[in-house]
Amino acid sequence: MTPDRLMEAHARLFPRRVRLAHLALVAHAEEASPDGWPTPAMVAQFARLYRVPRATLGGLVGLLCRRHPGTSRDVWVDAIRDPARATPHLIRQHDRAVQVALGWCLFARDLWMPRPVLH
């Protein structure tokens, strides 16, 4: 898989507004976040601004959001920085759009930051 194919998949898998929100979010985070990576608050702000589902937008940057039942409190899990907390059970609790977004994010990460081979 090449970067060009990855971007073609981005265009096929996600609606235009989600793609625009994703690109704007990443560009903003590069300048505004201490580590250059989007925060949950940024995901929520850009999802509101672009009127896209925050769970899908979060998935595109490796952030999974779950709302505690009966409350308005959200819990975010960072599948990039803390992959052990992004368990298969947690991922399956999200709808298909979020699963696809997270899969795209993890594939992109592996394309640009390959994991070391252990022998």
C-alpha atoms as a PDB file:
ATOM      1  CA  MET A   1       0.000   0.000   0.000  1.00  0.00           C
ATOM      2  CA  THR A   2       1.319   3.399  -0.944  1.00  0.00           C
ATOM      3  CA  PRO A   3       0.437   6.817   0.509  1.00  0.00           C
ATOM      4  CA  ASP A   4      -1.462   7.599  -2.710  1.00  0.00           C
ATOM      5  CA  ARG A   5      -3.613   4.487  -2.320  1.00  0.00           C
ATOM      6  CA  LEU A   6      -4.221   5.364   1.315  1.00  0.00           C
ATOM      7  CA  MET A   7      -5.521   8.799   0.317  1.00  0.00           C
ATOM      8  CA  GLU A   8      -7.709   7.211  -2.386  1.00  0.00           C
ATOM      9  CA  ALA A   9      -9.202   5.002   0.310  1.00  0.00           C
ATOM     10  CA  HIS A  10      -9.750   8.098   2.493  1.00  0.00           C
ATOM     11  CA  ALA A  11     -11.778   9.652  -0.320  1.00  0.00           C
ATOM     12  CA  ARG A  12     -13.817   6.482  -0.913  1.00  0.00           C
ATOM     13  CA  LEU A  13     -14.488   5.606   2.719  1.00  0.00           C
ATOM     14  CA  PHE A  14     -15.439   8.959   4.225  1.00  0.00           C
ATOM     15  CA  PRO A  15     -17.913  11.683   3.241  1.00  0.00           C
ATOM     16  CA  ARG A  16     -16.489  15.013   2.113  1.00  0.00           C
ATOM     17  CA  ARG A  17     -17.347  16.853   5.344  1.00  0.00           C
ATOM     18  CA  VAL A  18     -15.624  14.194   7.453  1.00  0.00           C
ATOM     19  CA  ARG A  19     -12.512  14.385   5.252  1.00  0.00           C
ATOM     20  CA  LEU A  20     -12.422  18.181   5.491  1.00  0.00           C
ATOM     21  CA  ALA A  21     -12.901  18.071   9.257  1.00  0.00           C
ATOM     22  CA  HIS A  22     -10.143  15.470   9.577  1.00  0.00           C
ATOM     23  CA  LEU A  23      -7.635  17.477   7.555  1.00  0.00           C
ATOM     24  CA  ALA A  24      -8.469  20.711   9.388  1.00  0.00           C
ATOM     25  CA  LEU A  25      -8.244  18.976  12.769  1.00  0.00           C
ATOM     26  CA  VAL A  26      -4.830  17.486  12.042  1.00  0.00           C
ATOM     27  CA  ALA A  27      -3.505  20.794  10.667  1.00  0.00           C
ATOM     28  CA  HIS A  28      -4.770  22.666  13.725  1.00  0.00           C
ATOM     29  CA  ALA A  29      -3.355  20.114  16.169  1.00  0.00           C
ATOM     30  CA  GLU A  30       0.098  20.321  14.582  1.00  0.00           C
ATOM     31  CA  GLU A  31       0.253  23.966  15.667  1.00  0.00           C
ATOM     32  CA  ALA A  32      -1.947  24.083  18.759  1.00  0.00           C
ATOM     33  CA  SER A  33      -1.203  20.858  20.621  1.00  0.00           C
ATOM     34  CA  PRO A  34       2.036  20.453  22.599  1.00  0.00           C
ATOM     35  CA  ASP A  35       2.730  17.070  20.977  1.00  0.00           C
ATOM     36  CA  GLY A  36       1.156  17.936  17.615  1.00  0.00           C
ATOM     37  CA  TRP A  37      -1.644  15.395  18.024  1.00  0.00           C
ATOM     38  CA  PRO A  38      -5.381  16.172  18.370  1.00  0.00           C
ATOM     39  CA  THR A  39      -6.929  16.166  21.829  1.00  0.00           C
ATOM     40  CA  PRO A  40     -10.450  14.989  22.663  1.00  0.00           C
ATOM     41  CA  ALA A  41     -11.516  18.612  23.127  1.00  0.00           C
ATOM     42  CA  MET A  42     -10.225  19.456  19.640  1.00  0.00           C
ATOM     43  CA  VAL A  43     -12.114  16.497  18.153  1.00  0.00           C
ATOM     44  CA  ALA A  44     -15.346  17.671  19.788  1.00  0.00           C
ATOM     45  CA  GLN A  45     -14.807  21.276  18.607  1.00  0.00           C
ATOM     46  CA  PHE A  46     -14.077  20.328  14.996  1.00  0.00           C
ATOM     47  CA  ALA A  47     -16.923  17.798  14.895  1.00  0.00           C
ATOM     48  CA  ARG A  48     -19.297  20.556  16.024  1.00  0.00           C
ATOM     49  CA  LEU A  49     -17.802  23.087  13.598  1.00  0.00           C
ATOM     50  CA  TYR A  50     -18.049  20.738  10.587  1.00  0.00           C
ATOM     51  CA  ARG A  51     -21.254  19.068  11.819  1.00  0.00           C
ATOM     52  CA  VAL A  52     -19.838  15.553  11.604  1.00  0.00           C
ATOM     53  CA  PRO A  53     -20.041  12.682  14.105  1.00  0.00           C
ATOM     54  CA  ARG A  54     -17.350  13.190  16.712  1.00  0.00           C
ATOM     55  CA  ALA A  55     -16.924   9.446  17.166  1.00  0.00           C
ATOM     56  CA  THR A  56     -16.015   9.034  13.479  1.00  0.00           C
ATOM     57  CA  LEU A  57     -13.727  12.062  13.513  1.00  0.00           C
ATOM     58  CA  GLY A  58     -12.103  10.810  16.698  1.00  0.00           C
ATOM     59  CA  GLY A  59     -11.576   7.394  15.122  1.00  0.00           C
ATOM     60  CA  LEU A  60      -9.658   9.017  12.266  1.00  0.00           C
ATOM     61  CA  VAL A  61      -7.090  10.267  14.780  1.00  0.00           C
ATOM     62  CA  GLY A  62      -7.123   7.172  16.989  1.00  0.00           C
ATOM     63  CA  LEU A  63      -9.418   8.519  19.707  1.00  0.00           C
ATOM     64  CA  LEU A  64     -12.422   6.438  20.761  1.00  0.00           C
ATOM     65  CA  CYS A  65     -15.234   8.091  22.702  1.00  0.00           C
ATOM     66  CA  ARG A  66     -17.831   6.412  24.886  1.00  0.00           C
ATOM     67  CA  ARG A  67     -20.555   8.119  26.888  1.00  0.00           C
ATOM     68  CA  HIS A  68     -21.291   6.710  30.316  1.00  0.00           C
ATOM     69  CA  PRO A  69     -24.881   5.398  30.298  1.00  0.00           C
ATOM     70  CA  GLY A  70     -27.319   7.811  31.894  1.00  0.00           C
ATOM     71  CA  THR A  71     -24.824  10.687  32.032  1.00  0.00           C
ATOM     72  CA  SER A  72     -23.354  13.348  29.803  1.00  0.00           C
ATOM     73  CA  ARG A  73     -19.808  12.321  30.739  1.00  0.00           C
ATOM     74  CA  ASP A  74     -17.544  11.082  27.946  1.00  0.00           C
ATOM     75  CA  VAL A  75     -14.544   8.821  28.309  1.00  0.00           C
ATOM     76  CA  TRP A  76     -11.892   8.933  25.603  1.00  0.00           C
ATOM     77  CA  VAL A  77      -9.412   6.158  24.860  1.00  0.00           C
ATOM     78  CA  ASP A  78      -6.299   6.920  22.829  1.00  0.00           C
ATOM     79  CA  ALA A  79      -5.639   3.929  20.584  1.00  0.00           C
ATOM     80  CA  ILE A  80      -2.359   5.439  19.347  1.00  0.00           C
ATOM     81  CA  ARG A  81      -0.662   6.354  22.617  1.00  0.00           C
ATOM     82  CA  ASP A  82      -2.245   3.641  24.770  1.00  0.00           C
ATOM     83  CA  PRO A  83      -3.226   0.771  22.452  1.00  0.00           C
ATOM     84  CA  ALA A  84      -3.695  -1.673  25.345  1.00  0.00           C
ATOM     85  CA  ARG A  85      -6.802   0.278  26.430  1.00  0.00           C
ATOM     86  CA  ALA A  86      -8.329   0.104  22.930  1.00  0.00           C
ATOM     87  CA  THR A  87      -9.423  -3.494  23.368  1.00  0.00           C
ATOM     88  CA  PRO A  88     -11.278  -5.420  20.650  1.00  0.00           C
ATOM     89  CA  HIS A  89     -14.325  -5.445  22.943  1.00  0.00           C
ATOM     90  CA  LEU A  90     -14.276  -1.635  23.165  1.00  0.00           C
ATOM     91  CA  ILE A  91     -13.796  -1.258  19.423  1.00  0.00           C
ATOM     92  CA  ARG A  92     -16.740  -3.602  18.682  1.00  0.00           C
ATOM     93  CA  GLN A  93     -19.011  -1.396  20.811  1.00  0.00           C
ATOM     94  CA  HIS A  94     -18.700   1.363  18.207  1.00  0.00           C
ATOM     95  CA  ASP A  95     -20.645   1.501  14.977  1.00  0.00           C
ATOM     96  CA  ARG A  96     -19.179   0.507  11.627  1.00  0.00           C
ATOM     97  CA  ALA A  97     -18.198   4.082  10.660  1.00  0.00           C
ATOM     98  CA  VAL A  98     -16.042   4.442  13.779  1.00  0.00           C
ATOM     99  CA  GLN A  99     -14.464   1.026  13.274  1.00  0.00           C
ATOM    100  CA  VAL A 100     -13.580   1.921   9.668  1.00  0.00           C
ATOM    101  CA  ALA A 101     -12.178   5.300  10.754  1.00  0.00           C
ATOM    102  CA  LEU A 102     -10.023   3.713  13.451  1.00  0.00           C
ATOM    103  CA  GLY A 103      -8.850   1.029  11.026  1.00  0.00           C
ATOM    104  CA  TRP A 104      -7.841   3.689   8.510  1.00  0.00           C
ATOM    105  CA  CYS A 105      -5.974   5.599  11.238  1.00  0.00           C
ATOM    106  CA  LEU A 106      -4.088   2.533  12.450  1.00  0.00           C
ATOM    107  CA  PHE A 107      -3.218   1.503   8.911  1.00  0.00           C
ATOM    108  CA  ALA A 108      -1.921   5.018   8.176  1.00  0.00           C
ATOM    109  CA  ARG A 109       0.141   4.941  11.367  1.00  0.00           C
ATOM    110  CA  ASP A 110       1.671   1.609  10.413  1.00  0.00           C
ATOM    111  CA  LEU A 111       2.432   2.870   6.906  1.00  0.00           C
ATOM    112  CA  TRP A 112       4.368   5.895   8.180  1.00  0.00           C
ATOM    113  CA  MET A 113       5.657   4.492  11.461  1.00  0.00           C
ATOM    114  CA  PRO A 114       6.291   0.787  10.937  1.00  0.00           C
ATOM    115  CA  ARG A 115       6.686  -1.240  14.082  1.00  0.00           C
ATOM    116  CA  PRO A 116      10.065  -2.837  14.704  1.00  0.00           C
ATOM    117  CA  VAL A 117      10.455  -6.472  13.745  1.00  0.00           C
ATOM    118  CA  LEU A 118      11.188  -8.674  16.719  1.00  0.00           C
ATOM    119  CA  HIS A 119      13.390 -11.684  16.070  1.00  0.00           C
END
